[in-house]
Protein backbone atom coordinates (compact mmCIF):
# COMPACT_ATOMS: atom_id res chain seq x y z
CA MET A 1 4.90 -85.01 22.95
CA ILE A 2 3.34 -81.32 23.90
CA TYR A 3 0.30 -81.13 25.06
CA ASP A 4 -2.04 -77.93 25.52
CA ASP A 5 -6.04 -77.57 25.61
CA VAL A 6 -5.77 -74.81 23.29
CA LEU A 7 -2.47 -74.76 20.46
CA ILE A 8 -2.95 -71.31 18.53
CA ILE A 9 -1.05 -71.31 15.05
CA GLY A 10 -0.37 -67.29 14.63
CA SER A 11 -0.13 -64.28 16.63
CA GLY A 12 -1.80 -61.85 15.17
CA ALA A 13 -4.69 -59.87 16.86
CA ALA A 14 -7.53 -62.20 16.68
CA ALA A 15 -4.64 -65.15 17.97
CA LEU A 16 -3.71 -62.61 20.95
CA GLN A 17 -7.54 -61.57 21.87
CA LEU A 18 -8.15 -65.02 21.65
CA ALA A 19 -5.15 -66.18 24.38
CA LYS A 20 -6.06 -62.95 26.54
CA HIS A 21 -9.82 -64.10 26.97
CA LEU A 22 -9.17 -67.68 27.87
CA ASN A 23 -9.76 -68.87 31.42
CA GLU A 24 -6.52 -69.19 33.03
CA GLU A 25 -6.88 -72.61 34.22
CA LYS A 26 -6.07 -73.24 30.15
CA HIS A 27 -3.02 -74.25 29.18
CA VAL A 28 -2.29 -72.43 25.92
CA ARG A 29 0.24 -72.21 23.10
CA ILE A 30 1.03 -69.80 20.56
CA ILE A 31 3.35 -70.97 17.68
CA THR A 32 4.50 -68.23 15.04
CA LYS A 33 7.01 -68.83 12.57
CA SER A 34 8.90 -65.65 12.69
CA ASN A 35 8.16 -63.44 15.91
CA VAL A 36 5.12 -61.87 16.90
CA GLU A 37 5.85 -58.55 15.72
CA ASN A 38 6.42 -60.08 12.27
CA ALA A 39 2.56 -60.10 11.27
CA ASN A 40 -0.60 -58.04 9.22
CA SER A 41 -1.67 -57.10 12.96
CA TYR A 42 1.22 -55.22 14.03
CA LEU A 43 1.69 -53.87 10.98
CA ALA A 44 -1.63 -52.18 10.39
CA GLN A 45 -2.16 -48.59 9.94
CA GLY A 46 -5.78 -48.47 9.96
CA GLY A 47 -8.03 -48.79 12.72
CA ILE A 48 -11.11 -50.50 14.45
CA ALA A 49 -14.77 -49.53 12.84
CA ALA A 50 -17.45 -49.11 15.48
CA ALA A 51 -20.33 -47.34 15.23
CA ILE A 52 -19.96 -45.08 18.76
CA GLY A 53 -20.11 -41.45 17.19
CA ARG A 54 -23.61 -39.38 17.99
CA THR A 55 -25.33 -39.44 14.36
CA ASP A 56 -23.88 -43.43 13.78
CA HIS A 57 -25.70 -46.15 14.81
CA PRO A 58 -24.60 -50.42 14.32
CA GLU A 59 -27.15 -50.58 11.32
CA LYS A 60 -25.59 -48.07 8.92
CA HIS A 61 -22.39 -49.85 9.41
CA LEU A 62 -24.01 -53.07 8.77
CA GLN A 63 -25.42 -51.22 5.53
CA ASP A 64 -22.06 -49.71 4.94
CA THR A 65 -20.39 -53.46 5.14
CA LEU A 66 -23.28 -54.94 2.87
CA GLU A 67 -22.71 -52.45 0.23
CA ALA A 68 -18.65 -52.78 0.08
CA GLY A 69 -19.15 -56.58 0.02
CA GLU A 70 -21.36 -56.57 -3.05
CA ASN A 71 -24.45 -58.14 -0.85
CA HIS A 72 -22.34 -61.49 -0.78
CA ASN A 73 -21.72 -61.10 2.77
CA ARG A 74 -23.59 -63.33 5.72
CA GLU A 75 -26.01 -60.68 7.00
CA SER A 76 -26.68 -62.70 10.00
CA THR A 77 -22.67 -62.34 11.12
CA VAL A 78 -22.09 -58.80 10.22
CA LYS A 79 -25.09 -57.77 12.29
CA LYS A 80 -23.66 -59.57 15.12
CA ILE A 81 -20.18 -58.59 14.65
CA VAL A 82 -20.82 -54.43 14.00
CA HIS A 83 -23.49 -54.87 16.97
CA GLU A 84 -20.90 -56.10 19.77
CA ALA A 85 -18.33 -53.17 17.77
CA PRO A 86 -18.78 -50.24 20.54
CA GLY A 87 -18.35 -52.91 23.54
CA ILE A 88 -15.34 -54.11 21.86
CA ILE A 89 -14.21 -50.52 21.68
CA ASN A 90 -15.57 -49.83 25.31
CA GLU A 91 -13.69 -53.01 26.95
CA LEU A 92 -10.77 -52.41 25.21
CA LEU A 93 -10.63 -48.86 26.95
CA GLN A 94 -11.85 -50.06 30.31
CA GLN A 95 -8.71 -52.50 30.42
CA GLY A 96 -6.07 -49.44 29.48
CA CYS A 97 -5.76 -49.73 25.80
CA ASN A 98 -4.28 -46.44 24.26
CA LEU A 99 -7.22 -44.82 21.92
CA ASP A 100 -6.50 -41.61 20.41
CA ARG A 101 -8.78 -38.60 21.89
CA ASN A 102 -9.00 -35.30 21.57
CA GLU A 103 -8.59 -32.36 23.46
CA GLN A 104 -11.74 -32.75 25.30
CA GLY A 105 -11.05 -36.53 25.99
CA ASN A 106 -13.22 -38.05 23.70
CA LEU A 107 -12.64 -40.71 20.96
CA LEU A 108 -11.06 -39.40 17.73
CA LEU A 109 -13.05 -40.86 14.25
CA GLY A 110 -11.87 -41.05 11.45
CA MET A 111 -13.49 -41.20 8.00
CA GLU A 112 -11.98 -43.70 5.47
CA GLY A 113 -13.56 -45.41 2.39
CA ALA A 114 -17.32 -46.24 1.90
CA HIS A 115 -18.16 -45.42 5.38
CA SER A 116 -21.15 -43.32 5.07
CA GLU A 117 -19.51 -41.81 9.05
CA LYS A 118 -16.44 -40.85 10.76
CA ARG A 119 -16.46 -44.03 12.86
CA ILE A 120 -12.51 -45.26 12.64
CA VAL A 121 -10.98 -45.32 15.80
CA HIS A 122 -7.30 -45.59 16.22
CA GLY A 123 -4.45 -45.89 18.41
CA GLY A 124 -1.19 -43.67 17.89
CA GLY A 125 -2.27 -42.12 14.79
CA ASP A 126 -1.36 -44.76 11.70
CA ARG A 127 0.02 -47.49 14.52
CA THR A 128 -2.73 -48.80 15.68
CA GLY A 129 -1.77 -52.22 14.93
CA LYS A 130 1.09 -51.35 16.61
CA ASN A 131 -0.68 -50.63 19.81
CA LEU A 132 -3.07 -53.15 20.16
CA VAL A 133 -0.51 -56.05 19.80
CA GLU A 134 1.73 -54.29 22.36
CA PHE A 135 -1.17 -53.81 24.69
CA LEU A 136 -2.83 -57.54 24.17
CA LEU A 137 1.29 -58.97 24.43
CA ALA A 138 1.13 -57.32 27.70
CA SER A 139 -2.59 -58.53 28.86
CA LEU A 140 -1.42 -62.25 28.65
CA LYS A 141 -1.37 -64.17 31.45
CA THR A 142 1.15 -66.79 32.80
CA ASN A 143 -0.90 -69.67 31.57
CA ILE A 144 -0.04 -68.98 27.97
CA ILE A 145 3.48 -70.45 26.24
CA ILE A 146 4.92 -68.39 22.90
CA ASP A 147 7.16 -70.38 20.45
CA GLU A 148 8.65 -68.03 18.15
CA ASP A 149 10.31 -69.47 14.73
CA VAL A 150 8.26 -72.78 14.62
CA PHE A 151 7.01 -73.40 11.12
CA VAL A 152 3.86 -75.67 11.62
CA TYR A 153 3.48 -77.51 8.43
CA GLU A 154 1.18 -80.40 8.68
CA LEU A 155 -2.54 -81.06 10.98
CA ILE A 156 -2.66 -83.88 12.82
CA ILE A 157 -5.89 -85.11 11.88
CA ASP A 158 -7.82 -88.60 13.88
CA GLN A 159 -9.18 -89.82 10.49
CA GLU A 160 -11.75 -92.02 12.22
CA ASN A 161 -13.54 -89.33 14.05
CA ASN A 162 -12.70 -86.18 11.78
CA ARG A 163 -11.20 -84.78 14.34
CA CYS A 164 -7.97 -82.44 14.50
CA ILE A 165 -5.91 -83.26 17.38
CA GLY A 166 -2.72 -81.61 16.74
CA ALA A 167 -0.05 -79.82 14.30
CA LYS A 168 3.19 -80.82 13.45
CA GLY A 169 6.16 -77.91 13.47
CA LYS A 170 9.61 -77.14 12.30
CA GLY A 171 12.05 -75.21 14.59
CA ALA A 172 14.58 -73.13 13.28
CA ASP A 173 17.40 -76.02 13.62
CA GLY A 174 14.88 -78.39 11.78
CA THR A 175 13.50 -80.08 14.71
CA ILE A 176 10.28 -81.79 13.71
CA LYS A 177 8.12 -81.32 16.88
CA SER A 178 4.49 -82.66 17.39
CA PHE A 179 1.99 -80.23 19.00
CA PHE A 180 -1.28 -81.90 20.51
CA ALA A 181 -4.29 -80.33 22.15
CA GLU A 182 -8.02 -80.41 22.52
CA HIS A 183 -8.68 -77.44 20.50
CA ILE A 184 -6.60 -76.06 17.50
CA VAL A 185 -6.61 -72.62 16.18
CA ILE A 186 -5.33 -71.54 12.68
CA ALA A 187 -4.84 -67.91 12.99
CA THR A 188 -2.15 -67.53 9.96
CA GLY A 189 -3.15 -64.63 8.36
CA GLY A 190 -4.32 -64.70 4.41
CA CYS A 191 -2.01 -64.61 1.80
CA GLY A 192 -0.91 -61.16 0.49
CA GLU A 193 2.60 -62.33 -0.56
CA LEU A 194 1.30 -64.41 -3.47
CA TYR A 195 1.39 -61.34 -5.19
CA GLU A 196 4.12 -59.46 -6.81
CA TYR A 197 2.73 -56.22 -4.95
CA SER A 198 1.62 -56.37 -1.95
CA SER A 199 1.26 -54.44 1.55
CA ASN A 200 1.49 -57.65 3.78
CA ALA A 201 4.00 -58.73 6.14
CA LEU A 202 6.54 -61.40 4.27
CA THR A 203 5.42 -64.53 6.14
CA VAL A 204 1.98 -63.85 4.97
CA THR A 205 2.06 -66.91 2.58
CA GLY A 206 -0.94 -68.74 2.80
CA ASP A 207 0.50 -71.36 5.37
CA GLY A 208 -2.77 -71.70 7.50
CA ILE A 209 -5.33 -72.20 4.25
CA ALA A 210 -2.90 -74.78 2.77
CA MET A 211 -3.14 -77.25 5.47
CA ALA A 212 -6.45 -76.50 6.62
CA TYR A 213 -6.92 -77.57 3.17
CA LEU A 214 -4.86 -80.60 2.88
CA ALA A 215 -6.59 -81.80 6.07
CA GLY A 216 -9.68 -81.90 4.41
CA ALA A 217 -11.33 -78.39 5.67
CA GLU A 218 -13.66 -76.77 3.45
CA ILE A 219 -12.16 -73.31 1.62
CA THR A 220 -14.61 -70.81 0.33
CA ASP A 221 -14.15 -67.24 -1.41
CA MET A 222 -10.63 -67.69 -2.28
CA GLU A 223 -11.60 -65.36 -5.94
CA PHE A 224 -12.34 -62.49 -4.01
CA ILE A 225 -8.57 -60.74 -3.17
CA GLN A 226 -8.63 -57.06 -2.09
CA PHE A 227 -6.39 -54.77 -3.78
CA HIS A 228 -5.40 -51.90 -1.83
CA PRO A 229 -5.57 -48.60 -3.65
CA THR A 230 -2.38 -47.02 -2.14
CA VAL A 231 1.10 -49.22 -1.91
CA LEU A 232 4.64 -47.24 -1.42
CA TYR A 233 6.25 -47.87 -4.93
CA ILE A 234 9.89 -47.13 -5.02
CA ASP A 235 12.18 -48.69 -7.74
CA GLY A 236 9.81 -51.15 -9.01
CA ARG A 237 9.11 -52.79 -5.67
CA THR A 238 6.27 -52.31 -3.01
CA ARG A 239 7.43 -50.79 0.01
CA GLY A 240 4.45 -50.59 2.32
CA LEU A 241 1.16 -49.45 2.88
CA VAL A 242 -0.24 -46.14 3.16
CA SER A 243 -3.39 -45.84 5.07
CA GLU A 244 -6.55 -45.60 3.46
CA ALA A 245 -7.07 -43.06 6.35
CA VAL A 246 -4.64 -40.87 4.36
CA ARG A 247 -7.23 -40.63 1.72
CA GLY A 248 -10.16 -40.01 4.57
CA GLU A 249 -8.14 -36.89 5.55
CA GLY A 250 -8.55 -35.18 1.62
CA ALA A 251 -5.54 -37.09 -0.21
CA ILE A 252 -6.49 -37.83 -3.78
CA LEU A 253 -4.86 -40.02 -6.67
CA VAL A 254 -3.11 -37.82 -9.56
CA THR A 255 -1.40 -38.15 -12.42
CA GLY A 256 2.31 -36.77 -12.59
CA ASP A 257 0.67 -34.00 -14.61
CA GLY A 258 -1.52 -33.67 -11.51
CA ILE A 259 -4.76 -34.88 -13.26
CA PRO A 260 -7.45 -36.42 -10.31
CA ILE A 261 -7.57 -40.46 -11.50
CA MET A 262 -10.84 -40.87 -9.70
CA GLU A 263 -13.03 -37.86 -10.96
CA GLY A 264 -16.10 -39.48 -12.96
CA ILE A 265 -15.56 -42.76 -12.09
CA HIS A 266 -17.64 -43.04 -8.61
CA PRO A 267 -19.68 -40.75 -6.82
CA LEU A 268 -17.37 -41.08 -3.32
CA LYS A 269 -14.22 -40.24 -5.70
CA ASP A 270 -10.72 -41.66 -3.70
CA LEU A 271 -12.70 -42.96 -1.23
CA ALA A 272 -15.15 -45.09 -3.56
CA PRO A 273 -14.83 -48.59 -2.65
CA ARG A 274 -11.20 -50.05 -2.15
CA HIS A 275 -11.49 -52.48 -5.62
CA ILE A 276 -12.55 -49.67 -7.92
CA VAL A 277 -9.94 -47.34 -6.75
CA SER A 278 -7.59 -50.15 -7.13
CA GLN A 279 -9.06 -51.05 -10.84
CA THR A 280 -8.83 -47.15 -11.52
CA ASN A 281 -4.96 -47.04 -10.52
CA TYR A 282 -3.87 -50.43 -11.97
CA SER A 283 -5.50 -48.91 -15.40
CA TYR A 284 -3.30 -46.42 -15.31
CA ILE A 285 -0.14 -48.22 -14.17
CA ASN A 286 -0.81 -50.84 -17.25
CA LYS A 287 -0.34 -48.13 -19.56
CA GLY A 288 2.93 -46.80 -18.23
CA ILE A 289 1.70 -43.98 -15.75
CA GLN A 290 2.79 -43.44 -12.96
CA VAL A 291 0.39 -42.35 -9.73
CA PHE A 292 0.80 -40.31 -6.70
CA LEU A 293 -0.98 -39.55 -3.75
CA ASP A 294 -1.07 -35.85 -3.59
CA ILE A 295 -1.35 -35.06 0.49
CA THR A 296 -0.86 -31.30 -0.34
CA GLY A 297 -4.71 -30.59 1.53
CA ILE A 298 -3.65 -32.61 4.77
CA LYS A 299 -3.08 -30.48 7.57
CA ASP A 300 0.72 -31.52 9.42
CA PHE A 301 0.77 -34.59 7.78
CA GLU A 302 3.91 -35.59 9.66
CA VAL A 303 2.44 -35.50 13.02
CA ARG A 304 -0.95 -37.36 11.54
CA PHE A 305 0.83 -39.98 9.96
CA PRO A 306 4.21 -40.60 11.61
CA SER A 307 4.70 -44.11 10.71
CA ILE A 308 3.61 -43.45 6.88
CA THR A 309 6.21 -40.61 7.20
CA ALA A 310 8.97 -42.45 8.66
CA LEU A 311 8.49 -45.07 5.89
CA CYS A 312 8.63 -42.82 3.16
CA GLU A 313 11.76 -41.05 4.38
CA ILE A 314 13.64 -44.40 4.83
CA TYR A 315 12.92 -44.71 0.57
CA GLY A 316 14.08 -41.23 -0.05
CA ILE A 317 10.74 -39.64 -0.22
CA THR A 318 10.03 -35.97 1.42
CA PRO A 319 5.96 -35.82 2.37
CA ALA A 320 6.69 -32.47 2.55
CA ASN A 321 6.98 -31.96 -1.00
CA GLY A 322 3.48 -33.39 -1.30
CA ARG A 323 3.36 -36.25 -3.38
CA ILE A 324 3.90 -39.95 -2.54
CA PRO A 325 4.21 -42.60 -5.78
CA VAL A 326 1.79 -45.33 -5.32
CA VAL A 327 0.57 -48.90 -6.89
CA PRO A 328 -2.41 -51.35 -5.96
CA GLY A 329 -0.97 -53.95 -3.95
CA SER A 330 -2.76 -57.22 -2.54
CA HIS A 331 -3.96 -56.42 0.84
CA PHE A 332 -6.68 -58.60 2.32
CA LEU A 333 -8.19 -62.28 1.41
CA MET A 334 -11.74 -61.73 2.12
CA GLY A 335 -12.16 -65.93 1.70
CA GLY A 336 -10.29 -68.64 3.61
CA ILE A 337 -11.07 -71.36 5.84
CA LYS A 338 -15.03 -71.52 5.58
CA THR A 339 -16.49 -71.32 9.39
CA ASN A 340 -19.02 -70.36 11.73
CA ILE A 341 -19.32 -67.38 13.79
CA ASN A 342 -18.02 -69.10 16.13
CA GLY A 343 -14.67 -69.91 14.43
CA GLN A 344 -15.56 -73.83 14.02
CA THR A 345 -14.57 -75.19 10.56
CA SER A 346 -15.82 -78.40 8.80
CA ILE A 347 -13.41 -80.59 11.16
CA LYS A 348 -14.28 -81.28 14.61
CA GLY A 349 -11.70 -79.51 17.20
CA LEU A 350 -10.24 -77.37 14.43
CA PHE A 351 -11.09 -73.65 14.30
CA ALA A 352 -9.98 -70.71 12.49
CA ILE A 353 -10.36 -66.85 13.23
CA GLY A 354 -8.71 -63.63 11.52
CA GLU A 355 -7.65 -63.12 8.19
CA ALA A 356 -7.47 -67.12 7.42
CA ALA A 357 -10.78 -67.56 8.15
CA CYS A 358 -14.08 -66.81 5.64
CA THR A 359 -17.01 -66.53 8.18
CA GLY A 360 -18.90 -64.21 5.39
CA MET A 361 -18.10 -60.79 7.63
CA HIS A 362 -16.78 -59.36 4.37
CA GLY A 363 -18.39 -60.61 1.71
CA ALA A 364 -17.07 -60.09 -1.72
CA ASN A 365 -15.16 -56.51 -0.50
CA ARG A 366 -13.99 -56.13 3.32
CA LEU A 367 -14.85 -52.02 4.31
CA ALA A 368 -11.90 -50.52 5.39
CA SER A 369 -11.33 -50.76 9.22
CA ASN A 370 -13.40 -54.05 9.62
CA SER A 371 -10.71 -56.66 9.51
CA LEU A 372 -9.10 -55.60 13.19
CA LEU A 373 -13.19 -55.46 14.28
CA GLU A 374 -13.32 -59.05 12.95
CA GLY A 375 -10.48 -60.49 14.92
CA LEU A 376 -10.97 -58.78 18.16
CA PHE A 377 -14.47 -60.37 17.89
CA GLN A 378 -13.72 -63.70 17.11
CA GLY A 379 -11.14 -64.34 19.51
CA ARG A 380 -13.40 -63.10 22.12
CA LYS A 381 -16.25 -65.28 21.00
CA LEU A 382 -14.20 -68.16 20.34
CA ALA A 383 -12.64 -67.84 23.93
CA GLN A 384 -16.23 -67.85 25.13
CA SER A 385 -16.85 -71.05 23.36
CA ILE A 386 -13.39 -72.56 24.66
CA ASN A 387 -13.86 -71.33 28.74
CA ALA A 388 -17.27 -73.63 28.47
CA THR A 389 -15.25 -76.97 27.96
CA LYS A 390 -13.79 -79.31 30.43
CA ASN A 391 -10.17 -79.70 30.03
CA LYS A 392 -8.73 -83.07 29.08
CA SER A 393 -6.10 -84.24 30.95
CA ALA A 394 -4.22 -85.86 28.73
CA ALA A 395 -3.04 -86.12 24.36
CA PRO A 396 -5.50 -88.91 22.76
CA PHE A 397 -3.63 -91.72 20.80
CA VAL A 398 -3.94 -91.81 17.20
CA GLN A 399 -2.46 -94.47 14.53
CA GLN A 400 -1.91 -91.85 11.88
CA ARG A 401 -1.90 -92.23 7.91
CA GLY A 402 -0.43 -89.86 5.85
CA ILE A 403 -2.60 -87.01 3.53
CA PRO A 404 -2.20 -86.54 0.08
CA LEU A 405 1.07 -84.03 -0.61
CA ILE A 406 2.39 -82.15 -3.51
CA THR A 407 5.67 -83.54 -3.97
CA PRO A 408 8.46 -80.92 -5.38
CA PRO A 409 9.87 -81.40 -8.40
CA ILE A 410 13.73 -81.06 -8.92
CA GLU A 411 13.08 -77.74 -8.73
CA LEU A 412 10.07 -75.89 -7.42
CA PRO A 413 9.14 -71.87 -8.84
CA GLU A 414 11.22 -69.38 -7.00
CA ILE A 415 8.99 -67.00 -4.66
CA GLU A 416 9.61 -64.20 -6.81
CA LYS A 417 7.90 -66.01 -9.67
CA ILE A 418 4.94 -66.93 -8.20
CA GLN A 419 4.44 -64.02 -7.09
CA CYS A 420 4.50 -61.85 -10.68
CA SER A 421 2.89 -65.04 -12.74
CA MET A 422 0.00 -64.37 -10.15
CA MET A 423 -0.26 -60.86 -10.29
CA ALA A 424 -0.13 -60.82 -14.09
CA ASN A 425 -2.93 -63.44 -14.36
CA ALA A 426 -4.69 -63.79 -11.55
CA GLY A 427 -4.54 -60.21 -10.11
CA ILE A 428 -6.73 -57.06 -10.25
CA VAL A 429 -7.87 -58.14 -13.64
CA ARG A 430 -8.77 -61.68 -14.73
CA THR A 431 -9.50 -63.10 -18.37
CA LYS A 432 -10.67 -66.87 -18.77
CA GLU A 433 -7.26 -67.27 -21.17
CA MET A 434 -4.78 -65.44 -18.16
CA LEU A 435 -6.55 -67.65 -15.53
CA GLU A 436 -6.15 -71.04 -17.68
CA LYS A 437 -2.37 -69.82 -18.35
CA GLN A 438 -1.61 -69.65 -15.11
CA LEU A 439 -3.51 -73.05 -13.75
CA LYS A 440 -1.25 -74.69 -16.46
CA TRP A 441 1.98 -73.10 -14.97
CA LEU A 442 1.19 -73.79 -11.34
CA ARG A 443 -0.11 -77.27 -12.34
CA ASN A 444 3.78 -77.55 -13.88
CA PHE A 445 4.81 -78.04 -9.98
CA ASN A 446 2.22 -80.24 -8.92
CA GLY A 447 3.23 -84.24 -8.55
CA TYR A 448 1.54 -86.20 -5.20
CA LYS A 449 1.93 -89.14 -3.03
CA ASN A 450 0.43 -90.15 0.09
CA GLY A 451 3.31 -89.43 3.02
CA GLY A 452 4.40 -86.82 5.65
CA LEU A 453 5.81 -83.16 4.73
CA ASP A 454 8.74 -84.35 7.06
CA SER A 455 11.61 -84.24 4.53
CA PHE A 456 11.09 -80.70 3.40
CA SER A 457 12.93 -77.80 4.26
CA ALA A 458 10.71 -74.33 5.34
CA GLU A 459 11.63 -72.68 2.00
CA GLU A 460 10.37 -75.70 -0.19
CA LEU A 461 7.33 -75.85 2.51
CA THR A 462 6.55 -71.97 1.99
CA LYS A 463 6.61 -72.87 -1.71
CA ILE A 464 4.40 -75.99 -1.42
CA PHE A 465 1.92 -73.84 0.30
CA MET A 466 1.80 -70.75 -1.82
CA CYS A 467 1.29 -73.14 -4.84
CA ILE A 468 -1.35 -74.56 -3.31
CA THR A 469 -3.17 -71.64 -2.42
CA ALA A 470 -2.81 -69.98 -5.19
CA GLU A 471 -4.23 -72.76 -7.46
CA LEU A 472 -7.22 -72.63 -5.22
CA ILE A 473 -7.53 -68.85 -6.20
CA VAL A 474 -7.09 -69.69 -9.89
CA LEU A 475 -9.79 -72.23 -9.92
CA ALA A 476 -12.46 -70.02 -7.94
CA ALA A 477 -11.80 -67.10 -10.50
CA LEU A 478 -12.49 -69.62 -13.05
CA VAL A 479 -15.46 -71.11 -12.04
CA ARG A 480 -17.39 -67.59 -11.14
CA THR A 481 -17.97 -65.87 -14.49
CA GLU A 482 -18.95 -62.66 -13.21
CA SER A 483 -17.20 -59.71 -11.55
CA ARG A 484 -18.22 -58.68 -7.99
CA GLY A 485 -15.86 -56.41 -5.38
CA GLY A 486 -12.38 -57.75 -5.31
CA HIS A 487 -12.87 -60.06 -8.07
CA PHE A 488 -12.94 -58.63 -11.34
CA ARG A 489 -12.87 -60.61 -15.59
CA SER A 490 -12.71 -58.22 -18.20
CA ASP A 491 -14.20 -61.02 -19.85
CA TYR A 492 -17.54 -60.88 -17.52
CA PRO A 493 -17.35 -57.23 -16.31
CA ARG A 494 -20.91 -57.27 -14.85
CA GLU A 495 -22.32 -58.70 -11.83
CA ASN A 496 -24.50 -61.69 -12.83
CA ASN A 497 -27.40 -62.18 -9.94
CA ASN A 498 -29.36 -64.81 -12.14
CA ASP A 499 -26.37 -67.05 -11.57
CA TRP A 500 -24.25 -65.99 -8.41
CA TYR A 501 -26.31 -64.27 -6.06
CA LYS A 502 -25.40 -65.20 -2.79
CA LYS A 503 -23.87 -68.37 -3.96
CA GLN A 504 -20.10 -69.72 -2.99
CA ILE A 505 -17.47 -71.53 -4.53
CA ILE A 506 -16.04 -74.10 -1.69
CA HIS A 507 -13.05 -76.19 -2.42
CA LYS A 508 -12.78 -79.43 -0.52
CA LEU A 509 -10.32 -82.32 -0.56
CA LYS A 510 -11.81 -85.24 -0.18
CA GLY A 511 -9.71 -88.49 1.01
CA GLU A 512 -6.72 -89.45 -1.43
CA THR A 513 -8.10 -86.83 -4.07
CA GLN A 514 -5.28 -85.04 -5.57
CA LEU A 515 -5.35 -81.44 -5.70
CA GLU A 516 -5.52 -81.56 -9.30
CA GLN A 517 -8.72 -83.39 -9.74
CA THR A 518 -10.98 -81.28 -6.83
CA LYS A 519 -13.82 -79.59 -8.21
CA ALA A 520 -14.90 -76.22 -7.43
CA ALA A 521 -18.74 -76.24 -7.14
CA ALA A 522 -20.94 -73.22 -6.57
CA THR A 523 -22.91 -73.83 -3.66
CA THR A 524 -25.66 -71.67 -2.27
């Protein structure tokens, strides 16, 4: 049995920021199912949004965030985060994080879609995530242990006190370990790899959300999936992200004949909110028309975007030719484990930060470059709260009992089949018929019993968690009979503020209730 003060599941920017800010007397363990570089944070090409320009102000940042989020945001949370954003950037600078500057030594500020000002701070051009993660890793103190290649698959719950006290994980050799701590933090990211077209790291399969759901935590806003308009597309597969910043610098989406696809669609054209650009791009893809990102208007593209240039060249695309083939791909989950601004979930002792959490910051659609900002804010905020608590000397003894669990049939679906069916039926465009078809298909693999997950392999657990998280998305998308932000239903193509304004769909597994019987209820 292993006992720490803080157990962090995941190793992205939010997790590392939390670990960095915890007091040295805290014993901290970070567990990641792969390695610290195999995460969305490390891959992030975009930057960190902060209102630090001379003509900018946090209130402008607030309004842009609310507008992009279709006013589904929790405004008090947005206000707090955007007002602290300049201080977060200043802290990074003071501590030696390498952020891009101009010849005069001032921070370079970029423009991205749906922002009214240049306010995107980058590090290393389009290598912001890599630079940030490496900086945070280098800042960790000796009280922090990182365990790589450990697949955490079950939260340990003190049922009597409704408190999370630990988690179970499997090593690469299948060895099971139990980890206990006073504070359990889920920072496992979203669920981008549920979809055929995705910009996400291969490890981002919704594990943390599924685990929290099975443990009884509230899950919300799962219908809101952001599809990035420009994911590199070669030989029928997505190969990586082409940053929003490319369009911010003047690139436009065109057909093979050079026709701009965003002309007349939105006043901001190619810098319109992501769901609008993605839906437009998808409409062309559905007709069999390949869409390209025309970068001929960007000077010194290879210097400005070295990571994208290298990615293109790996797959035989020469940026100097001026066009990059793209499709819209699953990029970010606005929903997740329901938390307050401090990361507290509906279960005592269990916290969630980063993309796995839903604080209400992003509403129905995330404003570009607000995700790294939110993760950095959450990590620091939760650290302040944990630092104010006293350390425990020993792990509590709890008589554990089984939790409801999905039992795989003889053969679970292949991951590729899950991804293709989700893209086709619960992706960028949805209808009642498509969603019901997907729900029926997912439930072919859902059997239930009481017991542990110990006997399943990491591959089986991944499929189980993908099916659970996928079902939460489909159920929420069926219930919300309107279109808002990242949730678009062609049978309900407009917002319905009479029935749905500021309302959330919350999933919660209660006691022995089976997943297939769980009802999603809209609550204010």
